[in-house]
Amino acid sequence: MDETLNKLEIIKKAISDKIGYDIEVIDIRGKANFADYFVICSATNSSQLSAICDNVEYEMGKAGYEAINPSKNRSNDWILLDYDEIIVHIFDIKARKFYDIERLWKERDINKD
């Protein structure tokens, strides 16, 4: 778990260094079997979206962590990076509001039997 927390800190700092904002970490342990955490952040435009992605990949690579899905196929409004137990979602403002991942995962808690 300490390694996971280290990854989370590296990712959050890499996002902040490129002025990514509204960073949210969602603990999905016990709710999904494909990851433990989502890290979600916003960017103001596609250039910043790419810069955040590049910096996350760079900083994680320096620490010895490689993404399972290197960001070869980038979208202009949403980039996803998979670091095994952590999935990073980098959104532009409109896409983040549209997909509203935070609400979807919070509803899973409410609707849980």
PDB file of N, CA and C in Angstrom:
ATOM      1  N   MET A   1       0.820  -1.198   0.000  1.00  0.00           N
ATOM      2  CA  MET A   1       0.000   0.000   0.000  1.00  0.00           C
ATOM      3  C   MET A   1       0.862   1.259   0.000  1.00  0.00           C
ATOM      4  N   ASP A   2       2.014   1.211   0.656  1.00  0.00           N
ATOM      5  CA  ASP A   2       2.890   2.382   0.668  1.00  0.00           C
ATOM      6  C   ASP A   2       3.321   2.758  -0.741  1.00  0.00           C
ATOM      7  N   GLU A   3       3.541   1.758  -1.595  1.00  0.00           N
ATOM      8  CA  GLU A   3       3.920   2.038  -2.975  1.00  0.00           C
ATOM      9  C   GLU A   3       2.779   2.740  -3.710  1.00  0.00           C
ATOM     10  N   THR A   4       1.557   2.310  -3.457  1.00  0.00           N
ATOM     11  CA  THR A   4       0.390   2.944  -4.070  1.00  0.00           C
ATOM     12  C   THR A   4       0.269   4.393  -3.617  1.00  0.00           C
ATOM     13  N   LEU A   5       0.446   4.633  -2.334  1.00  0.00           N
ATOM     14  CA  LEU A   5       0.374   6.009  -1.827  1.00  0.00           C
ATOM     15  C   LEU A   5       1.486   6.866  -2.409  1.00  0.00           C
ATOM     16  N   ASN A   6       2.662   6.293  -2.606  1.00  0.00           N
ATOM     17  CA  ASN A   6       3.766   7.004  -3.247  1.00  0.00           C
ATOM     18  C   ASN A   6       3.390   7.382  -4.683  1.00  0.00           C
ATOM     19  N   LYS A   7       2.801   6.443  -5.412  1.00  0.00           N
ATOM     20  CA  LYS A   7       2.354   6.722  -6.777  1.00  0.00           C
ATOM     21  C   LYS A   7       1.330   7.863  -6.790  1.00  0.00           C
ATOM     22  N   LEU A   8       0.385   7.803  -5.853  1.00  0.00           N
ATOM     23  CA  LEU A   8      -0.635   8.854  -5.780  1.00  0.00           C
ATOM     24  C   LEU A   8       0.001  10.231  -5.580  1.00  0.00           C
ATOM     25  N   GLU A   9       0.978  10.311  -4.699  1.00  0.00           N
ATOM     26  CA  GLU A   9       1.641  11.594  -4.439  1.00  0.00           C
ATOM     27  C   GLU A   9       2.390  12.097  -5.666  1.00  0.00           C
ATOM     28  N   ILE A  10       3.079  11.203  -6.356  1.00  0.00           N
ATOM     29  CA  ILE A  10       3.808  11.587  -7.574  1.00  0.00           C
ATOM     30  C   ILE A  10       2.826  12.118  -8.622  1.00  0.00           C
ATOM     31  N   ILE A  11       1.733  11.414  -8.800  1.00  0.00           N
ATOM     32  CA  ILE A  11       0.735  11.813  -9.795  1.00  0.00           C
ATOM     33  C   ILE A  11       0.124  13.164  -9.449  1.00  0.00           C
ATOM     34  N   LYS A  12      -0.288  13.341  -8.196  1.00  0.00           N
ATOM     35  CA  LYS A  12      -0.906  14.614  -7.798  1.00  0.00           C
ATOM     36  C   LYS A  12       0.061  15.781  -7.971  1.00  0.00           C
ATOM     37  N   LYS A  13       1.324  15.580  -7.624  1.00  0.00           N
ATOM     38  CA  LYS A  13       2.317  16.648  -7.772  1.00  0.00           C
ATOM     39  C   LYS A  13       2.572  16.950  -9.243  1.00  0.00           C
ATOM     40  N   ALA A  14       2.659  15.914 -10.072  1.00  0.00           N
ATOM     41  CA  ALA A  14       2.881  16.109 -11.515  1.00  0.00           C
ATOM     42  C   ALA A  14       1.732  16.893 -12.141  1.00  0.00           C
ATOM     43  N   ILE A  15       0.519  16.627 -11.694  1.00  0.00           N
ATOM     44  CA  ILE A  15      -0.649  17.367 -12.187  1.00  0.00           C
ATOM     45  C   ILE A  15      -0.569  18.820 -11.728  1.00  0.00           C
ATOM     46  N   SER A  16      -0.310  19.014 -10.456  1.00  0.00           N
ATOM     47  CA  SER A  16      -0.224  20.370  -9.899  1.00  0.00           C
ATOM     48  C   SER A  16       0.880  21.187 -10.554  1.00  0.00           C
ATOM     49  N   ASP A  17       2.008  20.544 -10.849  1.00  0.00           N
ATOM     50  CA  ASP A  17       3.135  21.245 -11.480  1.00  0.00           C
ATOM     51  C   ASP A  17       2.766  21.842 -12.831  1.00  0.00           C
ATOM     52  N   LYS A  18       1.783  21.283 -13.495  1.00  0.00           N
ATOM     53  CA  LYS A  18       1.334  21.796 -14.799  1.00  0.00           C
ATOM     54  C   LYS A  18      -0.012  22.522 -14.668  1.00  0.00           C
ATOM     55  N   ILE A  19      -0.301  22.954 -13.468  1.00  0.00           N
ATOM     56  CA  ILE A  19      -1.476  23.764 -13.140  1.00  0.00           C
ATOM     57  C   ILE A  19      -2.797  23.040 -13.440  1.00  0.00           C
ATOM     58  N   GLY A  20      -2.779  21.720 -13.344  1.00  0.00           N
ATOM     59  CA  GLY A  20      -4.033  20.977 -13.384  1.00  0.00           C
ATOM     60  C   GLY A  20      -4.794  21.339 -12.119  1.00  0.00           C
ATOM     61  N   TYR A  21      -6.092  21.358 -12.186  1.00  0.00           N
ATOM     62  CA  TYR A  21      -6.847  21.793 -11.009  1.00  0.00           C
ATOM     63  C   TYR A  21      -8.031  20.876 -10.730  1.00  0.00           C
ATOM     64  N   ASP A  22      -8.660  21.139  -9.603  1.00  0.00           N
ATOM     65  CA  ASP A  22      -9.796  20.348  -9.134  1.00  0.00           C
ATOM     66  C   ASP A  22      -9.419  18.865  -9.099  1.00  0.00           C
ATOM     67  N   ILE A  23      -8.257  18.591  -8.501  1.00  0.00           N
ATOM     68  CA  ILE A  23      -7.749  17.216  -8.407  1.00  0.00           C
ATOM     69  C   ILE A  23      -8.555  16.465  -7.357  1.00  0.00           C
ATOM     70  N   GLU A  24      -9.080  15.328  -7.754  1.00  0.00           N
ATOM     71  CA  GLU A  24      -9.843  14.505  -6.821  1.00  0.00           C
ATOM     72  C   GLU A  24      -9.339  13.067  -6.896  1.00  0.00           C
ATOM     73  N   VAL A  25      -9.143  12.473  -5.738  1.00  0.00           N
ATOM     74  CA  VAL A  25      -8.761  11.064  -5.645  1.00  0.00           C
ATOM     75  C   VAL A  25      -9.981  10.317  -5.116  1.00  0.00           C
ATOM     76  N   ILE A  26     -10.418   9.319  -5.863  1.00  0.00           N
ATOM     77  CA  ILE A  26     -11.576   8.520  -5.458  1.00  0.00           C
ATOM     78  C   ILE A  26     -11.102   7.104  -5.153  1.00  0.00           C
ATOM     79  N   ASP A  27     -11.379   6.664  -3.955  1.00  0.00           N
ATOM     80  CA  ASP A  27     -11.034   5.318  -3.515  1.00  0.00           C
ATOM     81  C   ASP A  27     -12.114   4.365  -4.031  1.00  0.00           C
ATOM     82  N   ILE A  28     -11.750   3.491  -4.955  1.00  0.00           N
ATOM     83  CA  ILE A  28     -12.724   2.549  -5.518  1.00  0.00           C
ATOM     84  C   ILE A  28     -12.444   1.111  -5.067  1.00  0.00           C
ATOM     85  N   ARG A  29     -11.598   0.963  -4.053  1.00  0.00           N
ATOM     86  CA  ARG A  29     -11.342  -0.381  -3.521  1.00  0.00           C
ATOM     87  C   ARG A  29     -12.657  -0.974  -3.035  1.00  0.00           C
ATOM     88  N   GLY A  30     -12.899  -2.214  -3.380  1.00  0.00           N
ATOM     89  CA  GLY A  30     -14.129  -2.880  -2.977  1.00  0.00           C
ATOM     90  C   GLY A  30     -15.308  -2.557  -3.876  1.00  0.00           C
ATOM     91  N   LYS A  31     -15.159  -1.604  -4.781  1.00  0.00           N
ATOM     92  CA  LYS A  31     -16.234  -1.236  -5.703  1.00  0.00           C
ATOM     93  C   LYS A  31     -15.927  -1.704  -7.122  1.00  0.00           C
ATOM     94  N   ALA A  32     -14.639  -1.933  -7.396  1.00  0.00           N
ATOM     95  CA  ALA A  32     -14.209  -2.348  -8.739  1.00  0.00           C
ATOM     96  C   ALA A  32     -13.027  -3.287  -8.592  1.00  0.00           C
ATOM     97  N   ASN A  33     -12.875  -4.182  -9.543  1.00  0.00           N
ATOM     98  CA  ASN A  33     -11.757  -5.122  -9.465  1.00  0.00           C
ATOM     99  C   ASN A  33     -10.614  -4.756 -10.412  1.00  0.00           C
ATOM    100  N   PHE A  34     -10.724  -3.619 -11.098  1.00  0.00           N
ATOM    101  CA  PHE A  34      -9.705  -3.243 -12.072  1.00  0.00           C
ATOM    102  C   PHE A  34      -8.740  -2.175 -11.563  1.00  0.00           C
ATOM    103  N   ALA A  35      -9.041  -1.558 -10.424  1.00  0.00           N
ATOM    104  CA  ALA A  35      -8.169  -0.520  -9.872  1.00  0.00           C
ATOM    105  C   ALA A  35      -8.560  -0.252  -8.429  1.00  0.00           C
ATOM    106  N   ASP A  36      -7.696   0.469  -7.719  1.00  0.00           N
ATOM    107  CA  ASP A  36      -7.980   0.874  -6.346  1.00  0.00           C
ATOM    108  C   ASP A  36      -8.369   2.343  -6.241  1.00  0.00           C
ATOM    109  N   TYR A  37      -7.809   3.160  -7.139  1.00  0.00           N
ATOM    110  CA  TYR A  37      -8.050   4.602  -7.087  1.00  0.00           C
ATOM    111  C   TYR A  37      -8.230   5.179  -8.478  1.00  0.00           C
ATOM    112  N   PHE A  38      -9.077   6.191  -8.567  1.00  0.00           N
ATOM    113  CA  PHE A  38      -9.129   7.091  -9.712  1.00  0.00           C
ATOM    114  C   PHE A  38      -8.515   8.403  -9.259  1.00  0.00           C
ATOM    115  N   VAL A  39      -7.691   9.007 -10.093  1.00  0.00           N
ATOM    116  CA  VAL A  39      -7.262  10.383  -9.898  1.00  0.00           C
ATOM    117  C   VAL A  39      -7.871  11.156 -11.052  1.00  0.00           C
ATOM    118  N   ILE A  40      -8.653  12.170 -10.735  1.00  0.00           N
ATOM    119  CA  ILE A  40      -9.353  12.948 -11.745  1.00  0.00           C
ATOM    120  C   ILE A  40      -8.910  14.397 -11.608  1.00  0.00           C
ATOM    121  N   CYS A  41      -8.635  15.031 -12.755  1.00  0.00           N
ATOM    122  CA  CYS A  41      -8.284  16.445 -12.732  1.00  0.00           C
ATOM    123  C   CYS A  41      -8.805  17.123 -13.983  1.00  0.00           C
ATOM    124  N   SER A  42      -8.765  18.451 -13.963  1.00  0.00           N
ATOM    125  CA  SER A  42      -9.226  19.255 -15.083  1.00  0.00           C
ATOM    126  C   SER A  42      -8.096  20.081 -15.662  1.00  0.00           C
ATOM    127  N   ALA A  43      -8.238  20.359 -16.957  1.00  0.00           N
ATOM    128  CA  ALA A  43      -7.328  21.244 -17.687  1.00  0.00           C
ATOM    129  C   ALA A  43      -8.187  22.259 -18.437  1.00  0.00           C
ATOM    130  N   THR A  44      -7.634  23.427 -18.681  1.00  0.00           N
ATOM    131  CA  THR A  44      -8.417  24.485 -19.323  1.00  0.00           C
ATOM    132  C   THR A  44      -8.457  24.384 -20.841  1.00  0.00           C
ATOM    133  N   ASN A  45      -7.503  23.651 -21.437  1.00  0.00           N
ATOM    134  CA  ASN A  45      -7.474  23.523 -22.896  1.00  0.00           C
ATOM    135  C   ASN A  45      -6.676  22.279 -23.284  1.00  0.00           C
ATOM    136  N   SER A  46      -6.669  21.961 -24.577  1.00  0.00           N
ATOM    137  CA  SER A  46      -6.020  20.724 -25.023  1.00  0.00           C
ATOM    138  C   SER A  46      -4.502  20.758 -24.845  1.00  0.00           C
ATOM    139  N   SER A  47      -3.897  21.934 -24.936  1.00  0.00           N
ATOM    140  CA  SER A  47      -2.446  22.036 -24.704  1.00  0.00           C
ATOM    141  C   SER A  47      -2.099  21.693 -23.263  1.00  0.00           C
ATOM    142  N   GLN A  48      -2.890  22.215 -22.337  1.00  0.00           N
ATOM    143  CA  GLN A  48      -2.642  21.912 -20.929  1.00  0.00           C
ATOM    144  C   GLN A  48      -2.932  20.443 -20.647  1.00  0.00           C
ATOM    145  N   LEU A  49      -3.957  19.904 -21.272  1.00  0.00           N
ATOM    146  CA  LEU A  49      -4.291  18.489 -21.123  1.00  0.00           C
ATOM    147  C   LEU A  49      -3.078  17.633 -21.494  1.00  0.00           C
ATOM    148  N   SER A  50      -2.469  17.933 -22.633  1.00  0.00           N
ATOM    149  CA  SER A  50      -1.280  17.193 -23.078  1.00  0.00           C
ATOM    150  C   SER A  50      -0.095  17.407 -22.150  1.00  0.00           C
ATOM    151  N   ALA A  51       0.087  18.644 -21.691  1.00  0.00           N
ATOM    152  CA  ALA A  51       1.211  18.942 -20.793  1.00  0.00           C
ATOM    153  C   ALA A  51       1.080  18.176 -19.476  1.00  0.00           C
ATOM    154  N   ILE A  52      -0.126  18.105 -18.943  1.00  0.00           N
ATOM    155  CA  ILE A  52      -0.350  17.350 -17.701  1.00  0.00           C
ATOM    156  C   ILE A  52      -0.041  15.879 -17.939  1.00  0.00           C
ATOM    157  N   CYS A  53      -0.557  15.323 -19.027  1.00  0.00           N
ATOM    158  CA  CYS A  53      -0.315  13.918 -19.361  1.00  0.00           C
ATOM    159  C   CYS A  53       1.185  13.647 -19.479  1.00  0.00           C
ATOM    160  N   ASP A  54       1.865  14.486 -20.249  1.00  0.00           N
ATOM    161  CA  ASP A  54       3.305  14.307 -20.445  1.00  0.00           C
ATOM    162  C   ASP A  54       4.052  14.349 -19.120  1.00  0.00           C
ATOM    163  N   ASN A  55       3.665  15.268 -18.240  1.00  0.00           N
ATOM    164  CA  ASN A  55       4.362  15.406 -16.963  1.00  0.00           C
ATOM    165  C   ASN A  55       4.091  14.223 -16.038  1.00  0.00           C
ATOM    166  N   VAL A  56       2.867  13.733 -16.026  1.00  0.00           N
ATOM    167  CA  VAL A  56       2.562  12.541 -15.217  1.00  0.00           C
ATOM    168  C   VAL A  56       3.408  11.374 -15.712  1.00  0.00           C
ATOM    169  N   GLU A  57       3.445  11.158 -17.030  1.00  0.00           N
ATOM    170  CA  GLU A  57       4.237  10.060 -17.578  1.00  0.00           C
ATOM    171  C   GLU A  57       5.730  10.244 -17.271  1.00  0.00           C
ATOM    172  N   TYR A  58       6.208  11.468 -17.390  1.00  0.00           N
ATOM    173  CA  TYR A  58       7.618  11.749 -17.127  1.00  0.00           C
ATOM    174  C   TYR A  58       7.978  11.495 -15.658  1.00  0.00           C
ATOM    175  N   GLU A  59       7.211  12.064 -14.750  1.00  0.00           N
ATOM    176  CA  GLU A  59       7.509  11.923 -13.316  1.00  0.00           C
ATOM    177  C   GLU A  59       7.341  10.479 -12.846  1.00  0.00           C
ATOM    178  N   MET A  60       6.328   9.801 -13.333  1.00  0.00           N
ATOM    179  CA  MET A  60       6.151   8.397 -12.957  1.00  0.00           C
ATOM    180  C   MET A  60       7.277   7.554 -13.548  1.00  0.00           C
ATOM    181  N   GLY A  61       7.692   7.847 -14.755  1.00  0.00           N
ATOM    182  CA  GLY A  61       8.808   7.126 -15.375  1.00  0.00           C
ATOM    183  C   GLY A  61      10.095   7.314 -14.599  1.00  0.00           C
ATOM    184  N   LYS A  62      10.338   8.555 -14.138  1.00  0.00           N
ATOM    185  CA  LYS A  62      11.531   8.820 -13.323  1.00  0.00           C
ATOM    186  C   LYS A  62      11.532   7.980 -12.050  1.00  0.00           C
ATOM    187  N   ALA A  63      10.344   7.737 -11.513  1.00  0.00           N
ATOM    188  CA  ALA A  63      10.220   6.957 -10.285  1.00  0.00           C
ATOM    189  C   ALA A  63      10.185   5.454 -10.559  1.00  0.00           C
ATOM    190  N   GLY A  64      10.264   5.074 -11.839  1.00  0.00           N
ATOM    191  CA  GLY A  64      10.298   3.656 -12.182  1.00  0.00           C
ATOM    192  C   GLY A  64       8.955   3.035 -12.495  1.00  0.00           C
ATOM    193  N   TYR A  65       7.928   3.854 -12.682  1.00  0.00           N
ATOM    194  CA  TYR A  65       6.589   3.348 -12.988  1.00  0.00           C
ATOM    195  C   TYR A  65       6.217   3.704 -14.424  1.00  0.00           C
ATOM    196  N   GLU A  66       5.782   2.722 -15.170  1.00  0.00           N
ATOM    197  CA  GLU A  66       5.360   2.947 -16.547  1.00  0.00           C
ATOM    198  C   GLU A  66       3.865   2.692 -16.671  1.00  0.00           C
ATOM    199  N   ALA A  67       3.210   3.489 -17.469  1.00  0.00           N
ATOM    200  CA  ALA A  67       1.780   3.306 -17.715  1.00  0.00           C
ATOM    201  C   ALA A  67       1.557   2.026 -18.513  1.00  0.00           C
ATOM    202  N   ILE A  68       0.480   1.341 -18.197  1.00  0.00           N
ATOM    203  CA  ILE A  68       0.101   0.145 -18.934  1.00  0.00           C
ATOM    204  C   ILE A  68      -0.330   0.536 -20.343  1.00  0.00           C
ATOM    205  N   ASN A  69      -0.888   1.715 -20.477  1.00  0.00           N
ATOM    206  CA  ASN A  69      -1.378   2.208 -21.769  1.00  0.00           C
ATOM    207  C   ASN A  69      -0.735   3.550 -22.093  1.00  0.00           C
ATOM    208  N   PRO A  70       0.487   3.563 -22.553  1.00  0.00           N
ATOM    209  CA  PRO A  70       1.094   4.863 -22.878  1.00  0.00           C
ATOM    210  C   PRO A  70       0.153   5.695 -23.740  1.00  0.00           C
ATOM    211  N   SER A  71       0.181   6.994 -23.557  1.00  0.00           N
ATOM    212  CA  SER A  71      -0.815   7.899 -24.148  1.00  0.00           C
ATOM    213  C   SER A  71      -0.585   8.167 -25.629  1.00  0.00           C
ATOM    214  N   LYS A  72      -0.574   7.135 -26.424  1.00  0.00           N
ATOM    215  CA  LYS A  72      -0.356   7.289 -27.865  1.00  0.00           C
ATOM    216  C   LYS A  72      -1.602   7.850 -28.555  1.00  0.00           C
ATOM    217  N   ASN A  73      -2.762   7.388 -28.127  1.00  0.00           N
ATOM    218  CA  ASN A  73      -4.023   7.841 -28.732  1.00  0.00           C
ATOM    219  C   ASN A  73      -4.687   8.860 -27.820  1.00  0.00           C
ATOM    220  N   ARG A  74      -4.311  10.090 -27.992  1.00  0.00           N
ATOM    221  CA  ARG A  74      -4.831  11.148 -27.127  1.00  0.00           C
ATOM    222  C   ARG A  74      -6.098  11.756 -27.710  1.00  0.00           C
ATOM    223  N   SER A  75      -6.972  12.108 -26.819  1.00  0.00           N
ATOM    224  CA  SER A  75      -8.177  12.835 -27.182  1.00  0.00           C
ATOM    225  C   SER A  75      -7.955  14.304 -26.825  1.00  0.00           C
ATOM    226  N   ASN A  76      -8.722  15.169 -27.420  1.00  0.00           N
ATOM    227  CA  ASN A  76      -8.616  16.588 -27.082  1.00  0.00           C
ATOM    228  C   ASN A  76      -9.373  16.957 -25.821  1.00  0.00           C
ATOM    229  N   ASP A  77     -10.162  16.001 -25.285  1.00  0.00           N
ATOM    230  CA  ASP A  77     -10.949  16.353 -24.108  1.00  0.00           C
ATOM    231  C   ASP A  77     -10.807  15.385 -22.924  1.00  0.00           C
ATOM    232  N   TRP A  78     -10.164  14.226 -23.144  1.00  0.00           N
ATOM    233  CA  TRP A  78     -10.031  13.265 -22.051  1.00  0.00           C
ATOM    234  C   TRP A  78      -8.854  12.346 -22.346  1.00  0.00           C
ATOM    235  N   ILE A  79      -7.931  12.286 -21.418  1.00  0.00           N
ATOM    236  CA  ILE A  79      -6.810  11.345 -21.519  1.00  0.00           C
ATOM    237  C   ILE A  79      -6.849  10.448 -20.291  1.00  0.00           C
ATOM    238  N   LEU A  80      -6.710   9.150 -20.519  1.00  0.00           N
ATOM    239  CA  LEU A  80      -6.706   8.180 -19.436  1.00  0.00           C
ATOM    240  C   LEU A  80      -5.333   7.515 -19.390  1.00  0.00           C
ATOM    241  N   LEU A  81      -4.754   7.458 -18.210  1.00  0.00           N
ATOM    242  CA  LEU A  81      -3.483   6.762 -17.985  1.00  0.00           C
ATOM    243  C   LEU A  81      -3.712   5.675 -16.949  1.00  0.00           C
ATOM    244  N   ASP A  82      -3.295   4.462 -17.260  1.00  0.00           N
ATOM    245  CA  ASP A  82      -3.505   3.319 -16.374  1.00  0.00           C
ATOM    246  C   ASP A  82      -2.180   2.924 -15.730  1.00  0.00           C
ATOM    247  N   TYR A  83      -2.103   3.109 -14.420  1.00  0.00           N
ATOM    248  CA  TYR A  83      -0.932   2.688 -13.652  1.00  0.00           C
ATOM    249  C   TYR A  83      -1.314   1.534 -12.733  1.00  0.00           C
ATOM    250  N   ASP A  84      -1.981   0.537 -13.285  1.00  0.00           N
ATOM    251  CA  ASP A  84      -2.398  -0.682 -12.602  1.00  0.00           C
ATOM    252  C   ASP A  84      -3.443  -0.371 -11.541  1.00  0.00           C
ATOM    253  N   GLU A  85      -3.039  -0.101 -10.314  1.00  0.00           N
ATOM    254  CA  GLU A  85      -4.029   0.147  -9.261  1.00  0.00           C
ATOM    255  C   GLU A  85      -4.528   1.589  -9.234  1.00  0.00           C
ATOM    256  N   ILE A  86      -3.953   2.445 -10.071  1.00  0.00           N
ATOM    257  CA  ILE A  86      -4.373   3.846 -10.150  1.00  0.00           C
ATOM    258  C   ILE A  86      -4.668   4.188 -11.611  1.00  0.00           C
ATOM    259  N   ILE A  87      -5.847   4.730 -11.841  1.00  0.00           N
ATOM    260  CA  ILE A  87      -6.206   5.194 -13.182  1.00  0.00           C
ATOM    261  C   ILE A  87      -6.361   6.709 -13.112  1.00  0.00           C
ATOM    262  N   VAL A  88      -5.632   7.387 -13.986  1.00  0.00           N
ATOM    263  CA  VAL A  88      -5.625   8.845 -14.021  1.00  0.00           C
ATOM    264  C   VAL A  88      -6.514   9.308 -15.171  1.00  0.00           C
ATOM    265  N   HIS A  89      -7.469  10.189 -14.855  1.00  0.00           N
ATOM    266  CA  HIS A  89      -8.362  10.776 -15.847  1.00  0.00           C
ATOM    267  C   HIS A  89      -8.040  12.265 -15.913  1.00  0.00           C
ATOM    268  N   ILE A  90      -7.609  12.729 -17.083  1.00  0.00           N
ATOM    269  CA  ILE A  90      -7.320  14.145 -17.284  1.00  0.00           C
ATOM    270  C   ILE A  90      -8.368  14.663 -18.270  1.00  0.00           C
ATOM    271  N   PHE A  91      -9.221  15.561 -17.795  1.00  0.00           N
ATOM    272  CA  PHE A  91     -10.346  16.046 -18.584  1.00  0.00           C
ATOM    273  C   PHE A  91     -10.204  17.527 -18.916  1.00  0.00           C
ATOM    274  N   ASP A  92     -10.798  17.927 -20.037  1.00  0.00           N
ATOM    275  CA  ASP A  92     -11.060  19.346 -20.191  1.00  0.00           C
ATOM    276  C   ASP A  92     -12.366  19.615 -19.426  1.00  0.00           C
ATOM    277  N   ILE A  93     -12.677  20.867 -19.232  1.00  0.00           N
ATOM    278  CA  ILE A  93     -13.791  21.243 -18.354  1.00  0.00           C
ATOM    279  C   ILE A  93     -15.125  20.662 -18.824  1.00  0.00           C
ATOM    280  N   LYS A  94     -15.428  20.791 -20.109  1.00  0.00           N
ATOM    281  CA  LYS A  94     -16.722  20.317 -20.619  1.00  0.00           C
ATOM    282  C   LYS A  94     -16.855  18.805 -20.511  1.00  0.00           C
ATOM    283  N   ALA A  95     -15.800  18.086 -20.855  1.00  0.00           N
ATOM    284  CA  ALA A  95     -15.856  16.618 -20.802  1.00  0.00           C
ATOM    285  C   ALA A  95     -16.014  16.134 -19.365  1.00  0.00           C
ATOM    286  N   ARG A  96     -15.346  16.790 -18.444  1.00  0.00           N
ATOM    287  CA  ARG A  96     -15.469  16.365 -17.044  1.00  0.00           C
ATOM    288  C   ARG A  96     -16.904  16.532 -16.558  1.00  0.00           C
ATOM    289  N   LYS A  97     -17.533  17.647 -16.910  1.00  0.00           N
ATOM    290  CA  LYS A  97     -18.939  17.852 -16.520  1.00  0.00           C
ATOM    291  C   LYS A  97     -19.843  16.831 -17.202  1.00  0.00           C
ATOM    292  N   PHE A  98     -19.574  16.553 -18.477  1.00  0.00           N
ATOM    293  CA  PHE A  98     -20.411  15.627 -19.231  1.00  0.00           C
ATOM    294  C   PHE A  98     -20.340  14.209 -18.666  1.00  0.00           C
ATOM    295  N   TYR A  99     -19.140  13.689 -18.471  1.00  0.00           N
ATOM    296  CA  TYR A  99     -18.985  12.311 -18.002  1.00  0.00           C
ATOM    297  C   TYR A  99     -19.228  12.161 -16.509  1.00  0.00           C
ATOM    298  N   ASP A 100     -18.919  13.164 -15.737  1.00  0.00           N
ATOM    299  CA  ASP A 100     -19.232  13.234 -14.304  1.00  0.00           C
ATOM    300  C   ASP A 100     -18.916  11.923 -13.565  1.00  0.00           C
ATOM    301  N   ILE A 101     -17.694  11.461 -13.724  1.00  0.00           N
ATOM    302  CA  ILE A 101     -17.262  10.197 -13.121  1.00  0.00           C
ATOM    303  C   ILE A 101     -17.417  10.216 -11.598  1.00  0.00           C
ATOM    304  N   GLU A 102     -17.137  11.343 -10.989  1.00  0.00           N
ATOM    305  CA  GLU A 102     -17.257  11.437  -9.524  1.00  0.00           C
ATOM    306  C   GLU A 102     -18.664  11.059  -9.076  1.00  0.00           C
ATOM    307  N   ARG A 103     -19.675  11.602  -9.734  1.00  0.00           N
ATOM    308  CA  ARG A 103     -21.060  11.311  -9.360  1.00  0.00           C
ATOM    309  C   ARG A 103     -21.371   9.831  -9.554  1.00  0.00           C
ATOM    310  N   LEU A 104     -20.907   9.258 -10.655  1.00  0.00           N
ATOM    311  CA  LEU A 104     -21.180   7.842 -10.922  1.00  0.00           C
ATOM    312  C   LEU A 104     -20.644   6.948  -9.817  1.00  0.00           C
ATOM    313  N   TRP A 105     -19.428   7.230  -9.351  1.00  0.00           N
ATOM    314  CA  TRP A 105     -18.839   6.385  -8.322  1.00  0.00           C
ATOM    315  C   TRP A 105     -19.416   6.671  -6.953  1.00  0.00           C
ATOM    316  N   LYS A 106     -19.870   7.882  -6.710  1.00  0.00           N
ATOM    317  CA  LYS A 106     -20.546   8.184  -5.442  1.00  0.00           C
ATOM    318  C   LYS A 106     -21.907   7.508  -5.399  1.00  0.00           C
ATOM    319  N   GLU A 107     -22.603   7.453  -6.540  1.00  0.00           N
ATOM    320  CA  GLU A 107     -23.894   6.770  -6.611  1.00  0.00           C
ATOM    321  C   GLU A 107     -23.747   5.281  -6.335  1.00  0.00           C
ATOM    322  N   ARG A 108     -22.610   4.705  -6.715  1.00  0.00           N
ATOM    323  CA  ARG A 108     -22.376   3.285  -6.414  1.00  0.00           C
ATOM    324  C   ARG A 108     -22.401   3.047  -4.912  1.00  0.00           C
ATOM    325  N   ASP A 109     -21.933   4.020  -4.121  1.00  0.00           N
ATOM    326  CA  ASP A 109     -21.988   3.903  -2.660  1.00  0.00           C
ATOM    327  C   ASP A 109     -23.441   3.978  -2.178  1.00  0.00           C
ATOM    328  N   ILE A 110     -24.200   4.900  -2.722  1.00  0.00           N
ATOM    329  CA  ILE A 110     -25.586   5.104  -2.291  1.00  0.00           C
ATOM    330  C   ILE A 110     -26.437   3.885  -2.626  1.00  0.00           C
ATOM    331  N   ASN A 111     -26.250   3.340  -3.815  1.00  0.00           N
ATOM    332  CA  ASN A 111     -27.081   2.233  -4.286  1.00  0.00           C
ATOM    333  C   ASN A 111     -26.583   0.867  -3.845  1.00  0.00           C
ATOM    334  N   LYS A 112     -25.511   0.832  -3.097  1.00  0.00           N
ATOM    335  CA  LYS A 112     -24.953  -0.445  -2.646  1.00  0.00           C
ATOM    336  C   LYS A 112     -25.884  -1.097  -1.637  1.00  0.00           C
ATOM    337  N   ASP A 113     -26.152  -2.370  -1.841  1.00  0.00           N
ATOM    338  CA  ASP A 113     -27.045  -3.095  -0.904  1.00  0.00           C
ATOM    339  C   ASP A 113     -26.301  -3.609   0.288  1.00  0.00           C
TER     340      ASP A 113
END
